[in-house]
């Protein structure tokens, strides 16, 4: 079985979002572009947040958090 690791960058982003008060799928999915700019430090993090929203929408949070090889 291949070794999988948690993508710490994406996990840290999820922690940041939870700490900002968004603690359920609906509130994560409804983050606006303006809020993304306030939450994220760079365009790569904004891209990760968009991926997170897609993962939440498709019930794929765990695969989102697993490091891509």
PDB file of N, CA and C in Angstrom:
ATOM      1  N   UNK A   1       0.850  -1.184   0.000  1.00  0.00           N
ATOM      2  CA  UNK A   1       0.000   0.000   0.000  1.00  0.00           C
ATOM      3  C   UNK A   1       0.894   1.245   0.000  1.00  0.00           C
ATOM      4  N   UNK A   2       0.648   2.192  -0.926  1.00  0.00           N
ATOM      5  CA  UNK A   2       1.481   3.389  -0.983  1.00  0.00           C
ATOM      6  C   UNK A   2       1.307   4.248   0.270  1.00  0.00           C
ATOM      7  N   UNK A   3       2.386   4.909   0.629  1.00  0.00           N
ATOM      8  CA  UNK A   3       2.347   5.781   1.805  1.00  0.00           C
ATOM      9  C   UNK A   3       1.723   7.123   1.426  1.00  0.00           C
ATOM     10  N   UNK A   4       0.710   7.518   2.154  1.00  0.00           N
ATOM     11  CA  UNK A   4       0.048   8.799   1.929  1.00  0.00           C
ATOM     12  C   UNK A   4       0.365   9.723   3.082  1.00  0.00           C
ATOM     13  N   UNK A   5       0.480  10.986   2.780  1.00  0.00           N
ATOM     14  CA  UNK A   5       0.760  11.991   3.800  1.00  0.00           C
ATOM     15  C   UNK A   5      -0.259  13.113   3.691  1.00  0.00           C
ATOM     16  N   UNK A   6      -0.502  13.756   4.818  1.00  0.00           N
ATOM     17  CA  UNK A   6      -1.384  14.914   4.840  1.00  0.00           C
ATOM     18  C   UNK A   6      -0.640  16.090   4.227  1.00  0.00           C
ATOM     19  N   UNK A   7      -1.319  16.812   3.349  1.00  0.00           N
ATOM     20  CA  UNK A   7      -0.759  18.026   2.766  1.00  0.00           C
ATOM     21  C   UNK A   7      -0.875  19.124   3.827  1.00  0.00           C
ATOM     22  N   UNK A   8       0.235  19.427   4.472  1.00  0.00           N
ATOM     23  CA  UNK A   8       0.219  20.362   5.601  1.00  0.00           C
ATOM     24  C   UNK A   8      -0.216  21.770   5.201  1.00  0.00           C
ATOM     25  N   UNK A   9       0.119  22.170   3.989  1.00  0.00           N
ATOM     26  CA  UNK A   9      -0.285  23.493   3.504  1.00  0.00           C
ATOM     27  C   UNK A   9      -1.815  23.587   3.431  1.00  0.00           C
ATOM     28  N   UNK A  10      -2.433  22.553   2.890  1.00  0.00           N
ATOM     29  CA  UNK A  10      -3.897  22.553   2.782  1.00  0.00           C
ATOM     30  C   UNK A  10      -4.557  22.386   4.149  1.00  0.00           C
ATOM     31  N   UNK A  11      -3.950  21.575   5.012  1.00  0.00           N
ATOM     32  CA  UNK A  11      -4.474  21.419   6.368  1.00  0.00           C
ATOM     33  C   UNK A  11      -4.409  22.747   7.110  1.00  0.00           C
ATOM     34  N   UNK A  12      -3.304  23.467   6.982  1.00  0.00           N
ATOM     35  CA  UNK A  12      -3.172  24.772   7.634  1.00  0.00           C
ATOM     36  C   UNK A  12      -4.210  25.762   7.114  1.00  0.00           C
ATOM     37  N   UNK A  13      -4.504  25.706   5.832  1.00  0.00           N
ATOM     38  CA  UNK A  13      -5.544  26.561   5.264  1.00  0.00           C
ATOM     39  C   UNK A  13      -6.901  26.218   5.876  1.00  0.00           C
ATOM     40  N   UNK A  14      -7.190  24.935   6.003  1.00  0.00           N
ATOM     41  CA  UNK A  14      -8.455  24.520   6.614  1.00  0.00           C
ATOM     42  C   UNK A  14      -8.539  25.007   8.060  1.00  0.00           C
ATOM     43  N   UNK A  15      -7.455  24.904   8.799  1.00  0.00           N
ATOM     44  CA  UNK A  15      -7.420  25.401  10.183  1.00  0.00           C
ATOM     45  C   UNK A  15      -7.697  26.901  10.207  1.00  0.00           C
ATOM     46  N   UNK A  16      -7.062  27.639   9.303  1.00  0.00           N
ATOM     47  CA  UNK A  16      -7.255  29.088   9.225  1.00  0.00           C
ATOM     48  C   UNK A  16      -8.725  29.430   8.958  1.00  0.00           C
ATOM     49  N   UNK A  17      -9.353  28.668   8.081  1.00  0.00           N
ATOM     50  CA  UNK A  17     -10.763  28.907   7.750  1.00  0.00           C
ATOM     51  C   UNK A  17     -11.653  28.602   8.952  1.00  0.00           C
ATOM     52  N   UNK A  18     -11.380  27.504   9.631  1.00  0.00           N
ATOM     53  CA  UNK A  18     -12.161  27.150  10.819  1.00  0.00           C
ATOM     54  C   UNK A  18     -11.990  28.208  11.896  1.00  0.00           C
ATOM     55  N   UNK A  19     -10.759  28.669  12.094  1.00  0.00           N
ATOM     56  CA  UNK A  19     -10.504  29.703  13.104  1.00  0.00           C
ATOM     57  C   UNK A  19     -11.166  31.027  12.755  1.00  0.00           C
ATOM     58  N   UNK A  20     -11.483  31.243  11.481  1.00  0.00           N
ATOM     59  CA  UNK A  20     -12.175  32.466  11.083  1.00  0.00           C
ATOM     60  C   UNK A  20     -13.687  32.367  11.303  1.00  0.00           C
ATOM     61  N   UNK A  21     -14.134  31.200  11.828  1.00  0.00           N
ATOM     62  CA  UNK A  21     -15.542  31.050  12.167  1.00  0.00           C
ATOM     63  C   UNK A  21     -16.359  30.229  11.197  1.00  0.00           C
ATOM     64  N   UNK A  22     -15.725  29.721  10.167  1.00  0.00           N
ATOM     65  CA  UNK A  22     -16.452  28.902   9.183  1.00  0.00           C
ATOM     66  C   UNK A  22     -16.259  27.441   9.563  1.00  0.00           C
ATOM     67  N   UNK A  23     -17.286  26.871  10.171  1.00  0.00           N
ATOM     68  CA  UNK A  23     -17.141  25.535  10.757  1.00  0.00           C
ATOM     69  C   UNK A  23     -18.044  24.481  10.138  1.00  0.00           C
ATOM     70  N   UNK A  24     -18.674  24.792   9.022  1.00  0.00           N
ATOM     71  CA  UNK A  24     -19.481  23.772   8.355  1.00  0.00           C
ATOM     72  C   UNK A  24     -19.364  23.937   6.844  1.00  0.00           C
ATOM     73  N   UNK A  25     -19.861  22.940   6.146  1.00  0.00           N
ATOM     74  CA  UNK A  25     -19.726  22.918   4.688  1.00  0.00           C
ATOM     75  C   UNK A  25     -20.370  24.127   4.026  1.00  0.00           C
ATOM     76  N   UNK A  26     -21.541  24.506   4.511  1.00  0.00           N
ATOM     77  CA  UNK A  26     -22.265  25.617   3.903  1.00  0.00           C
ATOM     78  C   UNK A  26     -21.472  26.922   4.017  1.00  0.00           C
ATOM     79  N   UNK A  27     -20.899  27.167   5.197  1.00  0.00           N
ATOM     80  CA  UNK A  27     -20.158  28.425   5.371  1.00  0.00           C
ATOM     81  C   UNK A  27     -18.850  28.423   4.584  1.00  0.00           C
ATOM     82  N   UNK A  28     -18.209  27.256   4.429  1.00  0.00           N
ATOM     83  CA  UNK A  28     -16.992  27.178   3.623  1.00  0.00           C
ATOM     84  C   UNK A  28     -17.338  27.387   2.149  1.00  0.00           C
ATOM     85  N   UNK A  29     -18.414  26.787   1.707  1.00  0.00           N
ATOM     86  CA  UNK A  29     -18.833  26.911   0.307  1.00  0.00           C
ATOM     87  C   UNK A  29     -19.252  28.333  -0.051  1.00  0.00           C
ATOM     88  N   UNK A  30     -19.680  29.096   0.940  1.00  0.00           N
ATOM     89  CA  UNK A  30     -20.196  30.438   0.650  1.00  0.00           C
ATOM     90  C   UNK A  30     -19.148  31.540   0.829  1.00  0.00           C
ATOM     91  N   UNK A  31     -17.882  31.186   1.007  1.00  0.00           N
ATOM     92  CA  UNK A  31     -16.838  32.208   1.113  1.00  0.00           C
ATOM     93  C   UNK A  31     -16.764  32.959  -0.218  1.00  0.00           C
ATOM     94  N   UNK A  32     -16.839  34.261  -0.138  1.00  0.00           N
ATOM     95  CA  UNK A  32     -16.821  35.095  -1.346  1.00  0.00           C
ATOM     96  C   UNK A  32     -15.384  35.392  -1.785  1.00  0.00           C
ATOM     97  N   UNK A  33     -15.256  35.912  -2.980  1.00  0.00           N
ATOM     98  CA  UNK A  33     -13.940  36.285  -3.498  1.00  0.00           C
ATOM     99  C   UNK A  33     -13.280  37.309  -2.585  1.00  0.00           C
ATOM    100  N   UNK A  34     -14.011  38.287  -2.137  1.00  0.00           N
ATOM    101  CA  UNK A  34     -13.470  39.315  -1.231  1.00  0.00           C
ATOM    102  C   UNK A  34     -12.963  38.667   0.055  1.00  0.00           C
ATOM    103  N   UNK A  35     -13.727  37.743   0.615  1.00  0.00           N
ATOM    104  CA  UNK A  35     -13.294  37.054   1.838  1.00  0.00           C
ATOM    105  C   UNK A  35     -12.048  36.213   1.584  1.00  0.00           C
ATOM    106  N   UNK A  36     -11.961  35.607   0.394  1.00  0.00           N
ATOM    107  CA  UNK A  36     -10.764  34.830   0.049  1.00  0.00           C
ATOM    108  C   UNK A  36      -9.527  35.715   0.085  1.00  0.00           C
ATOM    109  N   UNK A  37      -9.647  36.914  -0.457  1.00  0.00           N
ATOM    110  CA  UNK A  37      -8.521  37.841  -0.467  1.00  0.00           C
ATOM    111  C   UNK A  37      -8.114  38.198   0.957  1.00  0.00           C
ATOM    112  N   UNK A  38      -9.091  38.343   1.848  1.00  0.00           N
ATOM    113  CA  UNK A  38      -8.795  38.663   3.243  1.00  0.00           C
ATOM    114  C   UNK A  38      -8.181  37.480   3.989  1.00  0.00           C
ATOM    115  N   UNK A  39      -8.605  36.265   3.665  1.00  0.00           N
ATOM    116  CA  UNK A  39      -8.142  35.058   4.365  1.00  0.00           C
ATOM    117  C   UNK A  39      -6.773  34.612   3.862  1.00  0.00           C
ATOM    118  N   UNK A  40      -6.583  34.647   2.568  1.00  0.00           N
ATOM    119  CA  UNK A  40      -5.411  34.034   1.945  1.00  0.00           C
ATOM    120  C   UNK A  40      -4.259  35.024   1.810  1.00  0.00           C
ATOM    121  N   UNK A  41      -3.038  34.465   1.873  1.00  0.00           N
ATOM    122  CA  UNK A  41      -1.854  35.320   1.797  1.00  0.00           C
ATOM    123  C   UNK A  41      -1.312  35.475   0.380  1.00  0.00           C
ATOM    124  N   UNK A  42      -1.689  34.564  -0.527  1.00  0.00           N
ATOM    125  CA  UNK A  42      -1.209  34.667  -1.904  1.00  0.00           C
ATOM    126  C   UNK A  42      -2.150  33.923  -2.851  1.00  0.00           C
ATOM    127  N   UNK A  43      -1.868  34.042  -4.148  1.00  0.00           N
ATOM    128  CA  UNK A  43      -2.777  33.445  -5.131  1.00  0.00           C
ATOM    129  C   UNK A  43      -2.771  31.921  -5.068  1.00  0.00           C
ATOM    130  N   UNK A  44      -1.673  31.307  -4.652  1.00  0.00           N
ATOM    131  CA  UNK A  44      -1.653  29.847  -4.505  1.00  0.00           C
ATOM    132  C   UNK A  44      -2.609  29.393  -3.410  1.00  0.00           C
ATOM    133  N   UNK A  45      -2.670  30.155  -2.327  1.00  0.00           N
ATOM    134  CA  UNK A  45      -3.594  29.819  -1.246  1.00  0.00           C
ATOM    135  C   UNK A  45      -5.043  30.029  -1.687  1.00  0.00           C
ATOM    136  N   UNK A  46      -5.289  31.047  -2.498  1.00  0.00           N
ATOM    137  CA  UNK A  46      -6.635  31.261  -3.045  1.00  0.00           C
ATOM    138  C   UNK A  46      -7.022  30.064  -3.921  1.00  0.00           C
ATOM    139  N   UNK A  47      -6.086  29.580  -4.725  1.00  0.00           N
ATOM    140  CA  UNK A  47      -6.358  28.403  -5.565  1.00  0.00           C
ATOM    141  C   UNK A  47      -6.663  27.189  -4.688  1.00  0.00           C
ATOM    142  N   UNK A  48      -5.921  27.024  -3.595  1.00  0.00           N
ATOM    143  CA  UNK A  48      -6.195  25.915  -2.675  1.00  0.00           C
ATOM    144  C   UNK A  48      -7.576  26.067  -2.035  1.00  0.00           C
ATOM    145  N   UNK A  49      -7.957  27.287  -1.718  1.00  0.00           N
ATOM    146  CA  UNK A  49      -9.283  27.516  -1.135  1.00  0.00           C
ATOM    147  C   UNK A  49     -10.382  27.184  -2.139  1.00  0.00           C
ATOM    148  N   UNK A  50     -10.185  27.543  -3.382  1.00  0.00           N
ATOM    149  CA  UNK A  50     -11.157  27.172  -4.417  1.00  0.00           C
ATOM    150  C   UNK A  50     -11.244  25.651  -4.547  1.00  0.00           C
ATOM    151  N   UNK A  51     -10.093  24.971  -4.476  1.00  0.00           N
ATOM    152  CA  UNK A  51     -10.088  23.499  -4.498  1.00  0.00           C
ATOM    153  C   UNK A  51     -10.809  22.936  -3.287  1.00  0.00           C
ATOM    154  N   UNK A  52     -10.612  23.573  -2.124  1.00  0.00           N
ATOM    155  CA  UNK A  52     -11.304  23.134  -0.907  1.00  0.00           C
ATOM    156  C   UNK A  52     -12.814  23.268  -1.069  1.00  0.00           C
ATOM    157  N   UNK A  53     -13.258  24.389  -1.604  1.00  0.00           N
ATOM    158  CA  UNK A  53     -14.694  24.570  -1.816  1.00  0.00           C
ATOM    159  C   UNK A  53     -15.245  23.488  -2.733  1.00  0.00           C
ATOM    160  N   UNK A  54     -14.513  23.152  -3.773  1.00  0.00           N
ATOM    161  CA  UNK A  54     -14.938  22.095  -4.695  1.00  0.00           C
ATOM    162  C   UNK A  54     -14.971  20.738  -3.982  1.00  0.00           C
ATOM    163  N   UNK A  55     -13.963  20.481  -3.153  1.00  0.00           N
ATOM    164  CA  UNK A  55     -13.904  19.215  -2.411  1.00  0.00           C
ATOM    165  C   UNK A  55     -15.074  19.100  -1.441  1.00  0.00           C
ATOM    166  N   UNK A  56     -15.385  20.189  -0.755  1.00  0.00           N
ATOM    167  CA  UNK A  56     -16.516  20.187   0.180  1.00  0.00           C
ATOM    168  C   UNK A  56     -17.806  19.930  -0.582  1.00  0.00           C
ATOM    169  N   UNK A  57     -17.969  20.599  -1.704  1.00  0.00           N
ATOM    170  CA  UNK A  57     -19.176  20.439  -2.527  1.00  0.00           C
ATOM    171  C   UNK A  57     -19.367  18.982  -2.962  1.00  0.00           C
ATOM    172  N   UNK A  58     -18.246  18.309  -3.276  1.00  0.00           N
ATOM    173  CA  UNK A  58     -18.301  16.936  -3.777  1.00  0.00           C
ATOM    174  C   UNK A  58     -18.053  15.874  -2.706  1.00  0.00           C
ATOM    175  N   UNK A  59     -18.087  16.278  -1.430  1.00  0.00           N
ATOM    176  CA  UNK A  59     -17.849  15.357  -0.311  1.00  0.00           C
ATOM    177  C   UNK A  59     -16.520  14.618  -0.463  1.00  0.00           C
ATOM    178  N   UNK A  60     -15.472  15.354  -0.807  1.00  0.00           N
ATOM    179  CA  UNK A  60     -14.137  14.785  -1.032  1.00  0.00           C
ATOM    180  C   UNK A  60     -13.080  15.491  -0.179  1.00  0.00           C
ATOM    181  N   UNK A  61     -13.418  15.808   1.076  1.00  0.00           N
ATOM    182  CA  UNK A  61     -12.493  16.536   1.931  1.00  0.00           C
ATOM    183  C   UNK A  61     -11.215  15.736   2.210  1.00  0.00           C
ATOM    184  N   UNK A  62     -11.343  14.452   2.509  1.00  0.00           N
ATOM    185  CA  UNK A  62     -10.147  13.649   2.818  1.00  0.00           C
ATOM    186  C   UNK A  62      -9.200  13.607   1.623  1.00  0.00           C
ATOM    187  N   UNK A  63      -9.661  13.295   0.407  1.00  0.00           N
ATOM    188  CA  UNK A  63      -8.733  13.311  -0.734  1.00  0.00           C
ATOM    189  C   UNK A  63      -8.092  14.687  -0.940  1.00  0.00           C
ATOM    190  N   UNK A  64      -8.818  15.761  -0.645  1.00  0.00           N
ATOM    191  CA  UNK A  64      -8.255  17.111  -0.747  1.00  0.00           C
ATOM    192  C   UNK A  64      -7.058  17.280   0.190  1.00  0.00           C
ATOM    193  N   UNK A  65      -7.152  16.683   1.387  1.00  0.00           N
ATOM    194  CA  UNK A  65      -6.106  16.845   2.398  1.00  0.00           C
ATOM    195  C   UNK A  65      -4.912  15.908   2.205  1.00  0.00           C
ATOM    196  N   UNK A  66      -5.052  14.902   1.349  1.00  0.00           N
ATOM    197  CA  UNK A  66      -3.951  13.964   1.120  1.00  0.00           C
ATOM    198  C   UNK A  66      -3.010  14.549   0.077  1.00  0.00           C
ATOM    199  N   UNK A  67      -1.718  14.521   0.420  1.00  0.00           N
ATOM    200  CA  UNK A  67      -0.688  15.072  -0.453  1.00  0.00           C
ATOM    201  C   UNK A  67      -0.688  14.381  -1.806  1.00  0.00           C
ATOM    202  N   UNK A  68      -0.644  15.173  -2.856  1.00  0.00           N
ATOM    203  CA  UNK A  68      -0.618  14.626  -4.212  1.00  0.00           C
ATOM    204  C   UNK A  68       0.797  14.196  -4.552  1.00  0.00           C
ATOM    205  N   UNK A  69       0.921  13.057  -5.229  1.00  0.00           N
ATOM    206  CA  UNK A  69       2.248  12.551  -5.601  1.00  0.00           C
ATOM    207  C   UNK A  69       2.482  12.687  -7.069  1.00  0.00           C
TER     208      UNK A  69
END
